[in-house]
Amino acid sequence: MLRRMGSPIHPVTLTPEQVAALNRSLSKMRHDINNSLSLIVATSTLIKLKPSSIDQMTRSLHKQPPKISEALATFIADFEKVLGVTPD
């Protein structure tokens, strides 16, 4: 489960390097989540076209939500670290 993110107590100023690091982290998260969602769509399409593959395809489907959660959690940790915020 994802937890709620805290808010900074003081104004936050980011260096260009920190902004670039957050941008890389955000880009990686988008890439990872889009990959998982693409696999979900492709797998569900294959199940429709070839119902006999449901057992194998279901295993692939079940792997995707944890991957999405992990990508989000990694980005949140990076974001909190750079901004100096703690969870509520």
PDB file of N, CA and C in Angstrom:
ATOM      1  N   MET A   1       0.836  -1.185   0.000  1.00  0.00           N
ATOM      2  CA  MET A   1       0.000   0.000   0.000  1.00  0.00           C
ATOM      3  C   MET A   1       0.880   1.247   0.000  1.00  0.00           C
ATOM      4  N   LEU A   2       0.419   2.244  -0.712  1.00  0.00           N
ATOM      5  CA  LEU A   2       1.132   3.506  -0.732  1.00  0.00           C
ATOM      6  C   LEU A   2       0.638   4.363   0.418  1.00  0.00           C
ATOM      7  N   ARG A   3       1.571   5.042   1.036  1.00  0.00           N
ATOM      8  CA  ARG A   3       1.204   5.900   2.151  1.00  0.00           C
ATOM      9  C   ARG A   3       1.068   7.336   1.678  1.00  0.00           C
ATOM     10  N   ARG A   4       0.460   8.125   2.504  1.00  0.00           N
ATOM     11  CA  ARG A   4       0.245   9.526   2.168  1.00  0.00           C
ATOM     12  C   ARG A   4       1.551  10.300   2.331  1.00  0.00           C
ATOM     13  N   MET A   5       1.832  11.187   1.376  1.00  0.00           N
ATOM     14  CA  MET A   5       3.036  11.980   1.413  1.00  0.00           C
ATOM     15  C   MET A   5       2.837  13.206   2.286  1.00  0.00           C
ATOM     16  N   GLY A   6       3.878  13.577   3.007  1.00  0.00           N
ATOM     17  CA  GLY A   6       3.823  14.767   3.830  1.00  0.00           C
ATOM     18  C   GLY A   6       4.060  16.023   3.015  1.00  0.00           C
ATOM     19  N   SER A   7       4.003  17.145   3.678  1.00  0.00           N
ATOM     20  CA  SER A   7       4.250  18.434   3.030  1.00  0.00           C
ATOM     21  C   SER A   7       5.467  19.074   3.677  1.00  0.00           C
ATOM     22  N   PRO A   8       6.226  19.842   2.903  1.00  0.00           N
ATOM     23  CA  PRO A   8       7.375  20.526   3.507  1.00  0.00           C
ATOM     24  C   PRO A   8       6.907  21.532   4.551  1.00  0.00           C
ATOM     25  N   ILE A   9       7.727  21.742   5.554  1.00  0.00           N
ATOM     26  CA  ILE A   9       7.402  22.710   6.612  1.00  0.00           C
ATOM     27  C   ILE A   9       7.851  24.108   6.193  1.00  0.00           C
ATOM     28  N   HIS A  10       8.945  24.157   5.422  1.00  0.00           N
ATOM     29  CA  HIS A  10       9.531  25.422   4.993  1.00  0.00           C
ATOM     30  C   HIS A  10       9.552  25.469   3.468  1.00  0.00           C
ATOM     31  N   PRO A  11       9.719  26.676   2.908  1.00  0.00           N
ATOM     32  CA  PRO A  11       9.868  26.757   1.450  1.00  0.00           C
ATOM     33  C   PRO A  11      11.040  25.886   0.981  1.00  0.00           C
ATOM     34  N   VAL A  12      10.889  25.333  -0.196  1.00  0.00           N
ATOM     35  CA  VAL A  12      11.905  24.427  -0.731  1.00  0.00           C
ATOM     36  C   VAL A  12      12.464  25.027  -2.020  1.00  0.00           C
ATOM     37  N   THR A  13      13.777  25.083  -2.095  1.00  0.00           N
ATOM     38  CA  THR A  13      14.450  25.521  -3.312  1.00  0.00           C
ATOM     39  C   THR A  13      15.241  24.343  -3.846  1.00  0.00           C
ATOM     40  N   LEU A  14      15.031  24.029  -5.106  1.00  0.00           N
ATOM     41  CA  LEU A  14      15.737  22.900  -5.715  1.00  0.00           C
ATOM     42  C   LEU A  14      16.836  23.402  -6.635  1.00  0.00           C
ATOM     43  N   THR A  15      17.932  22.676  -6.627  1.00  0.00           N
ATOM     44  CA  THR A  15      19.011  22.979  -7.562  1.00  0.00           C
ATOM     45  C   THR A  15      18.641  22.396  -8.923  1.00  0.00           C
ATOM     46  N   PRO A  16      19.274  22.879  -9.978  1.00  0.00           N
ATOM     47  CA  PRO A  16      19.024  22.280 -11.289  1.00  0.00           C
ATOM     48  C   PRO A  16      19.317  20.777 -11.299  1.00  0.00           C
ATOM     49  N   GLU A  17      20.310  20.362 -10.549  1.00  0.00           N
ATOM     50  CA  GLU A  17      20.642  18.937 -10.482  1.00  0.00           C
ATOM     51  C   GLU A  17      19.525  18.139  -9.813  1.00  0.00           C
ATOM     52  N   GLN A  18      18.926  18.703  -8.774  1.00  0.00           N
ATOM     53  CA  GLN A  18      17.823  18.020  -8.096  1.00  0.00           C
ATOM     54  C   GLN A  18      16.603  17.921  -9.004  1.00  0.00           C
ATOM     55  N   VAL A  19      16.333  18.986  -9.737  1.00  0.00           N
ATOM     56  CA  VAL A  19      15.203  18.964 -10.680  1.00  0.00           C
ATOM     57  C   VAL A  19      15.467  17.907 -11.748  1.00  0.00           C
ATOM     58  N   ALA A  20      16.696  17.851 -12.252  1.00  0.00           N
ATOM     59  CA  ALA A  20      17.041  16.849 -13.266  1.00  0.00           C
ATOM     60  C   ALA A  20      16.896  15.445 -12.703  1.00  0.00           C
ATOM     61  N   ALA A  21      17.324  15.237 -11.455  1.00  0.00           N
ATOM     62  CA  ALA A  21      17.208  13.915 -10.832  1.00  0.00           C
ATOM     63  C   ALA A  21      15.738  13.522 -10.670  1.00  0.00           C
ATOM     64  N   LEU A  22      14.903  14.461 -10.234  1.00  0.00           N
ATOM     65  CA  LEU A  22      13.470  14.174 -10.106  1.00  0.00           C
ATOM     66  C   LEU A  22      12.853  13.888 -11.470  1.00  0.00           C
ATOM     67  N   ASN A  23      13.279  14.617 -12.477  1.00  0.00           N
ATOM     68  CA  ASN A  23      12.768  14.385 -13.824  1.00  0.00           C
ATOM     69  C   ASN A  23      13.144  12.988 -14.314  1.00  0.00           C
ATOM     70  N   ARG A  24      14.373  12.565 -14.047  1.00  0.00           N
ATOM     71  CA  ARG A  24      14.790  11.205 -14.429  1.00  0.00           C
ATOM     72  C   ARG A  24      13.958  10.157 -13.681  1.00  0.00           C
ATOM     73  N   SER A  25      13.752  10.404 -12.403  1.00  0.00           N
ATOM     74  CA  SER A  25      12.959   9.470 -11.597  1.00  0.00           C
ATOM     75  C   SER A  25      11.515   9.401 -12.099  1.00  0.00           C
ATOM     76  N   LEU A  26      10.943  10.547 -12.422  1.00  0.00           N
ATOM     77  CA  LEU A  26       9.585  10.592 -12.960  1.00  0.00           C
ATOM     78  C   LEU A  26       9.517   9.882 -14.309  1.00  0.00           C
ATOM     79  N   SER A  27      10.512  10.105 -15.140  1.00  0.00           N
ATOM     80  CA  SER A  27      10.557   9.460 -16.454  1.00  0.00           C
ATOM     81  C   SER A  27      10.627   7.943 -16.320  1.00  0.00           C
ATOM     82  N   LYS A  28      11.471   7.472 -15.381  1.00  0.00           N
ATOM     83  CA  LYS A  28      11.589   6.024 -15.159  1.00  0.00           C
ATOM     84  C   LYS A  28      10.268   5.455 -14.663  1.00  0.00           C
ATOM     85  N   MET A  29       9.609   6.178 -13.738  1.00  0.00           N
ATOM     86  CA  MET A  29       8.326   5.705 -13.223  1.00  0.00           C
ATOM     87  C   MET A  29       7.302   5.605 -14.351  1.00  0.00           C
ATOM     88  N   ARG A  30       7.211   6.644 -15.185  1.00  0.00           N
ATOM     89  CA  ARG A  30       6.264   6.604 -16.313  1.00  0.00           C
ATOM     90  C   ARG A  30       6.557   5.423 -17.225  1.00  0.00           C
ATOM     91  N   HIS A  31       7.824   5.213 -17.522  1.00  0.00           N
ATOM     92  CA  HIS A  31       8.230   4.112 -18.392  1.00  0.00           C
ATOM     93  C   HIS A  31       7.827   2.761 -17.787  1.00  0.00           C
ATOM     94  N   ASP A  32       8.152   2.572 -16.518  1.00  0.00           N
ATOM     95  CA  ASP A  32       7.839   1.301 -15.847  1.00  0.00           C
ATOM     96  C   ASP A  32       6.331   1.051 -15.789  1.00  0.00           C
ATOM     97  N   ILE A  33       5.566   2.079 -15.449  1.00  0.00           N
ATOM     98  CA  ILE A  33       4.112   1.912 -15.356  1.00  0.00           C
ATOM     99  C   ILE A  33       3.516   1.679 -16.738  1.00  0.00           C
ATOM    100  N   ASN A  34       3.964   2.426 -17.734  1.00  0.00           N
ATOM    101  CA  ASN A  34       3.465   2.210 -19.102  1.00  0.00           C
ATOM    102  C   ASN A  34       3.789   0.799 -19.593  1.00  0.00           C
ATOM    103  N   ASN A  35       4.969   0.287 -19.254  1.00  0.00           N
ATOM    104  CA  ASN A  35       5.309  -1.090 -19.636  1.00  0.00           C
ATOM    105  C   ASN A  35       4.334  -2.080 -19.003  1.00  0.00           C
ATOM    106  N   SER A  36       4.078  -1.914 -17.717  1.00  0.00           N
ATOM    107  CA  SER A  36       3.160  -2.827 -17.034  1.00  0.00           C
ATOM    108  C   SER A  36       1.755  -2.735 -17.618  1.00  0.00           C
ATOM    109  N   LEU A  37       1.296  -1.524 -17.884  1.00  0.00           N
ATOM    110  CA  LEU A  37      -0.040  -1.368 -18.456  1.00  0.00           C
ATOM    111  C   LEU A  37      -0.114  -1.953 -19.870  1.00  0.00           C
ATOM    112  N   SER A  38       0.948  -1.796 -20.644  1.00  0.00           N
ATOM    113  CA  SER A  38       0.986  -2.393 -21.987  1.00  0.00           C
ATOM    114  C   SER A  38       0.908  -3.913 -21.906  1.00  0.00           C
ATOM    115  N   LEU A  39       1.616  -4.479 -20.944  1.00  0.00           N
ATOM    116  CA  LEU A  39       1.551  -5.932 -20.763  1.00  0.00           C
ATOM    117  C   LEU A  39       0.149  -6.381 -20.358  1.00  0.00           C
ATOM    118  N   ILE A  40      -0.512  -5.600 -19.510  1.00  0.00           N
ATOM    119  CA  ILE A  40      -1.873  -5.944 -19.098  1.00  0.00           C
ATOM    120  C   ILE A  40      -2.806  -5.936 -20.307  1.00  0.00           C
ATOM    121  N   VAL A  41      -2.701  -4.904 -21.136  1.00  0.00           N
ATOM    122  CA  VAL A  41      -3.555  -4.807 -22.324  1.00  0.00           C
ATOM    123  C   VAL A  41      -3.252  -5.949 -23.290  1.00  0.00           C
ATOM    124  N   ALA A  42      -1.977  -6.200 -23.548  1.00  0.00           N
ATOM    125  CA  ALA A  42      -1.599  -7.269 -24.482  1.00  0.00           C
ATOM    126  C   ALA A  42      -2.043  -8.632 -23.969  1.00  0.00           C
ATOM    127  N   THR A  43      -1.864  -8.849 -22.675  1.00  0.00           N
ATOM    128  CA  THR A  43      -2.258 -10.132 -22.091  1.00  0.00           C
ATOM    129  C   THR A  43      -3.760 -10.348 -22.170  1.00  0.00           C
ATOM    130  N   SER A  44      -4.520  -9.308 -21.859  1.00  0.00           N
ATOM    131  CA  SER A  44      -5.981  -9.466 -21.918  1.00  0.00           C
ATOM    132  C   SER A  44      -6.440  -9.695 -23.362  1.00  0.00           C
ATOM    133  N   THR A  45      -5.772  -9.078 -24.316  1.00  0.00           N
ATOM    134  CA  THR A  45      -6.096  -9.306 -25.728  1.00  0.00           C
ATOM    135  C   THR A  45      -5.788 -10.747 -26.123  1.00  0.00           C
ATOM    136  N   LEU A  46      -4.638 -11.243 -25.688  1.00  0.00           N
ATOM    137  CA  LEU A  46      -4.275 -12.632 -25.998  1.00  0.00           C
ATOM    138  C   LEU A  46      -5.258 -13.627 -25.384  1.00  0.00           C
ATOM    139  N   ILE A  47      -5.728 -13.327 -24.179  1.00  0.00           N
ATOM    140  CA  ILE A  47      -6.710 -14.210 -23.539  1.00  0.00           C
ATOM    141  C   ILE A  47      -7.996 -14.247 -24.362  1.00  0.00           C
ATOM    142  N   LYS A  48      -8.402 -13.102 -24.890  1.00  0.00           N
ATOM    143  CA  LYS A  48      -9.605 -13.064 -25.734  1.00  0.00           C
ATOM    144  C   LYS A  48      -9.407 -13.884 -27.004  1.00  0.00           C
ATOM    145  N   LEU A  49      -8.228 -13.738 -27.605  1.00  0.00           N
ATOM    146  CA  LEU A  49      -7.965 -14.432 -28.867  1.00  0.00           C
ATOM    147  C   LEU A  49      -7.684 -15.918 -28.689  1.00  0.00           C
ATOM    148  N   LYS A  50      -7.090 -16.246 -27.541  1.00  0.00           N
ATOM    149  CA  LYS A  50      -6.722 -17.640 -27.303  1.00  0.00           C
ATOM    150  C   LYS A  50      -7.066 -18.004 -25.851  1.00  0.00           C
ATOM    151  N   PRO A  51      -8.335 -18.279 -25.579  1.00  0.00           N
ATOM    152  CA  PRO A  51      -8.765 -18.562 -24.212  1.00  0.00           C
ATOM    153  C   PRO A  51      -8.005 -19.717 -23.539  1.00  0.00           C
ATOM    154  N   SER A  52      -7.472 -20.617 -24.316  1.00  0.00           N
ATOM    155  CA  SER A  52      -6.736 -21.741 -23.721  1.00  0.00           C
ATOM    156  C   SER A  52      -5.440 -21.282 -23.037  1.00  0.00           C
ATOM    157  N   SER A  53      -5.014 -20.059 -23.294  1.00  0.00           N
ATOM    158  CA  SER A  53      -3.775 -19.552 -22.690  1.00  0.00           C
ATOM    159  C   SER A  53      -4.018 -18.828 -21.367  1.00  0.00           C
ATOM    160  N   ILE A  54      -5.233 -18.922 -20.852  1.00  0.00           N
ATOM    161  CA  ILE A  54      -5.597 -18.124 -19.676  1.00  0.00           C
ATOM    162  C   ILE A  54      -4.713 -18.399 -18.459  1.00  0.00           C
ATOM    163  N   ASP A  55      -4.338 -19.639 -18.211  1.00  0.00           N
ATOM    164  CA  ASP A  55      -3.507 -19.937 -17.036  1.00  0.00           C
ATOM    165  C   ASP A  55      -2.163 -19.223 -17.117  1.00  0.00           C
ATOM    166  N   GLN A  56      -1.500 -19.359 -18.245  1.00  0.00           N
ATOM    167  CA  GLN A  56      -0.196 -18.723 -18.438  1.00  0.00           C
ATOM    168  C   GLN A  56      -0.323 -17.192 -18.414  1.00  0.00           C
ATOM    169  N   MET A  57      -1.329 -16.672 -19.079  1.00  0.00           N
ATOM    170  CA  MET A  57      -1.507 -15.228 -19.164  1.00  0.00           C
ATOM    171  C   MET A  57      -1.904 -14.614 -17.818  1.00  0.00           C
ATOM    172  N   THR A  58      -2.657 -15.361 -17.032  1.00  0.00           N
ATOM    173  CA  THR A  58      -3.065 -14.873 -15.717  1.00  0.00           C
ATOM    174  C   THR A  58      -1.851 -14.659 -14.827  1.00  0.00           C
ATOM    175  N   ARG A  59      -0.875 -15.540 -14.918  1.00  0.00           N
ATOM    176  CA  ARG A  59       0.355 -15.368 -14.140  1.00  0.00           C
ATOM    177  C   ARG A  59       1.035 -14.052 -14.514  1.00  0.00           C
ATOM    178  N   SER A  60       1.060 -13.737 -15.791  1.00  0.00           N
ATOM    179  CA  SER A  60       1.654 -12.481 -16.243  1.00  0.00           C
ATOM    180  C   SER A  60       0.869 -11.278 -15.709  1.00  0.00           C
ATOM    181  N   LEU A  61      -0.454 -11.379 -15.746  1.00  0.00           N
ATOM    182  CA  LEU A  61      -1.295 -10.286 -15.245  1.00  0.00           C
ATOM    183  C   LEU A  61      -1.054 -10.019 -13.761  1.00  0.00           C
ATOM    184  N   HIS A  62      -0.927 -11.088 -12.987  1.00  0.00           N
ATOM    185  CA  HIS A  62      -0.766 -10.935 -11.537  1.00  0.00           C
ATOM    186  C   HIS A  62       0.565 -10.308 -11.146  1.00  0.00           C
ATOM    187  N   LYS A  63       1.538 -10.327 -12.022  1.00  0.00           N
ATOM    188  CA  LYS A  63       2.844  -9.731 -11.717  1.00  0.00           C
ATOM    189  C   LYS A  63       2.850  -8.216 -11.890  1.00  0.00           C
ATOM    190  N   GLN A  64       1.897  -7.684 -12.622  1.00  0.00           N
ATOM    191  CA  GLN A  64       1.951  -6.270 -12.979  1.00  0.00           C
ATOM    192  C   GLN A  64       1.595  -5.297 -11.846  1.00  0.00           C
ATOM    193  N   PRO A  65       0.540  -5.511 -11.068  1.00  0.00           N
ATOM    194  CA  PRO A  65       0.227  -4.535 -10.008  1.00  0.00           C
ATOM    195  C   PRO A  65       1.380  -4.298  -9.016  1.00  0.00           C
ATOM    196  N   PRO A  66       2.093  -5.343  -8.566  1.00  0.00           N
ATOM    197  CA  PRO A  66       3.222  -5.064  -7.674  1.00  0.00           C
ATOM    198  C   PRO A  66       4.323  -4.244  -8.356  1.00  0.00           C
ATOM    199  N   LYS A  67       4.511  -4.455  -9.652  1.00  0.00           N
ATOM    200  CA  LYS A  67       5.513  -3.670 -10.372  1.00  0.00           C
ATOM    201  C   LYS A  67       5.110  -2.202 -10.423  1.00  0.00           C
ATOM    202  N   ILE A  68       3.823  -1.952 -10.626  1.00  0.00           N
ATOM    203  CA  ILE A  68       3.331  -0.572 -10.653  1.00  0.00           C
ATOM    204  C   ILE A  68       3.487   0.070  -9.273  1.00  0.00           C
ATOM    205  N   SER A  69       3.126  -0.656  -8.237  1.00  0.00           N
ATOM    206  CA  SER A  69       3.271  -0.137  -6.867  1.00  0.00           C
ATOM    207  C   SER A  69       4.724   0.158  -6.535  1.00  0.00           C
ATOM    208  N   GLU A  70       5.611  -0.712  -6.969  1.00  0.00           N
ATOM    209  CA  GLU A  70       7.044  -0.512  -6.718  1.00  0.00           C
ATOM    210  C   GLU A  70       7.554   0.736  -7.435  1.00  0.00           C
ATOM    211  N   ALA A  71       7.136   0.940  -8.680  1.00  0.00           N
ATOM    212  CA  ALA A  71       7.560   2.128  -9.432  1.00  0.00           C
ATOM    213  C   ALA A  71       7.077   3.401  -8.738  1.00  0.00           C
ATOM    214  N   LEU A  72       5.835   3.393  -8.274  1.00  0.00           N
ATOM    215  CA  LEU A  72       5.301   4.561  -7.565  1.00  0.00           C
ATOM    216  C   LEU A  72       6.038   4.799  -6.248  1.00  0.00           C
ATOM    217  N   ALA A  73       6.266   3.740  -5.492  1.00  0.00           N
ATOM    218  CA  ALA A  73       6.942   3.866  -4.198  1.00  0.00           C
ATOM    219  C   ALA A  73       8.362   4.392  -4.369  1.00  0.00           C
ATOM    220  N   THR A  74       9.055   3.944  -5.400  1.00  0.00           N
ATOM    221  CA  THR A  74      10.415   4.418  -5.658  1.00  0.00           C
ATOM    222  C   THR A  74      10.410   5.911  -5.968  1.00  0.00           C
ATOM    223  N   PHE A  75       9.481   6.335  -6.828  1.00  0.00           N
ATOM    224  CA  PHE A  75       9.405   7.761  -7.148  1.00  0.00           C
ATOM    225  C   PHE A  75       9.057   8.580  -5.911  1.00  0.00           C
ATOM    226  N   ILE A  76       8.109   8.122  -5.132  1.00  0.00           N
ATOM    227  CA  ILE A  76       7.708   8.846  -3.926  1.00  0.00           C
ATOM    228  C   ILE A  76       8.894   8.995  -2.977  1.00  0.00           C
ATOM    229  N   ALA A  77       9.676   7.936  -2.813  1.00  0.00           N
ATOM    230  CA  ALA A  77      10.851   8.004  -1.938  1.00  0.00           C
ATOM    231  C   ALA A  77      11.856   9.026  -2.460  1.00  0.00           C
ATOM    232  N   ASP A  78      12.102   9.025  -3.762  1.00  0.00           N
ATOM    233  CA  ASP A  78      13.014  10.006  -4.359  1.00  0.00           C
ATOM    234  C   ASP A  78      12.481  11.423  -4.158  1.00  0.00           C
ATOM    235  N   PHE A  79      11.198  11.597  -4.403  1.00  0.00           N
ATOM    236  CA  PHE A  79      10.544  12.902  -4.279  1.00  0.00           C
ATOM    237  C   PHE A  79      10.652  13.419  -2.845  1.00  0.00           C
ATOM    238  N   GLU A  80      10.327  12.568  -1.872  1.00  0.00           N
ATOM    239  CA  GLU A  80      10.384  12.956  -0.471  1.00  0.00           C
ATOM    240  C   GLU A  80      11.810  13.297  -0.048  1.00  0.00           C
ATOM    241  N   LYS A  81      12.758  12.527  -0.549  1.00  0.00           N
ATOM    242  CA  LYS A  81      14.157  12.779  -0.188  1.00  0.00           C
ATOM    243  C   LYS A  81      14.607  14.146  -0.691  1.00  0.00           C
ATOM    244  N   VAL A  82      14.320  14.443  -1.946  1.00  0.00           N
ATOM    245  CA  VAL A  82      14.742  15.728  -2.529  1.00  0.00           C
ATOM    246  C   VAL A  82      14.040  16.898  -1.857  1.00  0.00           C
ATOM    247  N   LEU A  83      12.752  16.749  -1.574  1.00  0.00           N
ATOM    248  CA  LEU A  83      12.004  17.855  -0.961  1.00  0.00           C
ATOM    249  C   LEU A  83      12.137  17.916   0.544  1.00  0.00           C
ATOM    250  N   GLY A  84      12.707  16.867   1.133  1.00  0.00           N
ATOM    251  CA  GLY A  84      12.867  16.853   2.581  1.00  0.00           C
ATOM    252  C   GLY A  84      11.573  16.738   3.334  1.00  0.00           C
ATOM    253  N   VAL A  85      10.616  16.003   2.766  1.00  0.00           N
ATOM    254  CA  VAL A  85       9.327  15.809   3.437  1.00  0.00           C
ATOM    255  C   VAL A  85       9.263  14.409   4.020  1.00  0.00           C
ATOM    256  N   THR A  86       8.410  14.271   5.011  1.00  0.00           N
ATOM    257  CA  THR A  86       8.202  12.975   5.635  1.00  0.00           C
ATOM    258  C   THR A  86       6.732  12.602   5.483  1.00  0.00           C
ATOM    259  N   PRO A  87       6.444  11.310   5.547  1.00  0.00           N
ATOM    260  CA  PRO A  87       5.038  10.897   5.421  1.00  0.00           C
ATOM    261  C   PRO A  87       4.197  11.428   6.570  1.00  0.00           C
ATOM    262  N   ASP A  88       2.929  11.700   6.287  1.00  0.00           N
ATOM    263  CA  ASP A  88       1.988  12.134   7.332  1.00  0.00           C
ATOM    264  C   ASP A  88       1.672  10.980   8.242  1.00  0.00           C
TER     265      ASP A  88
END
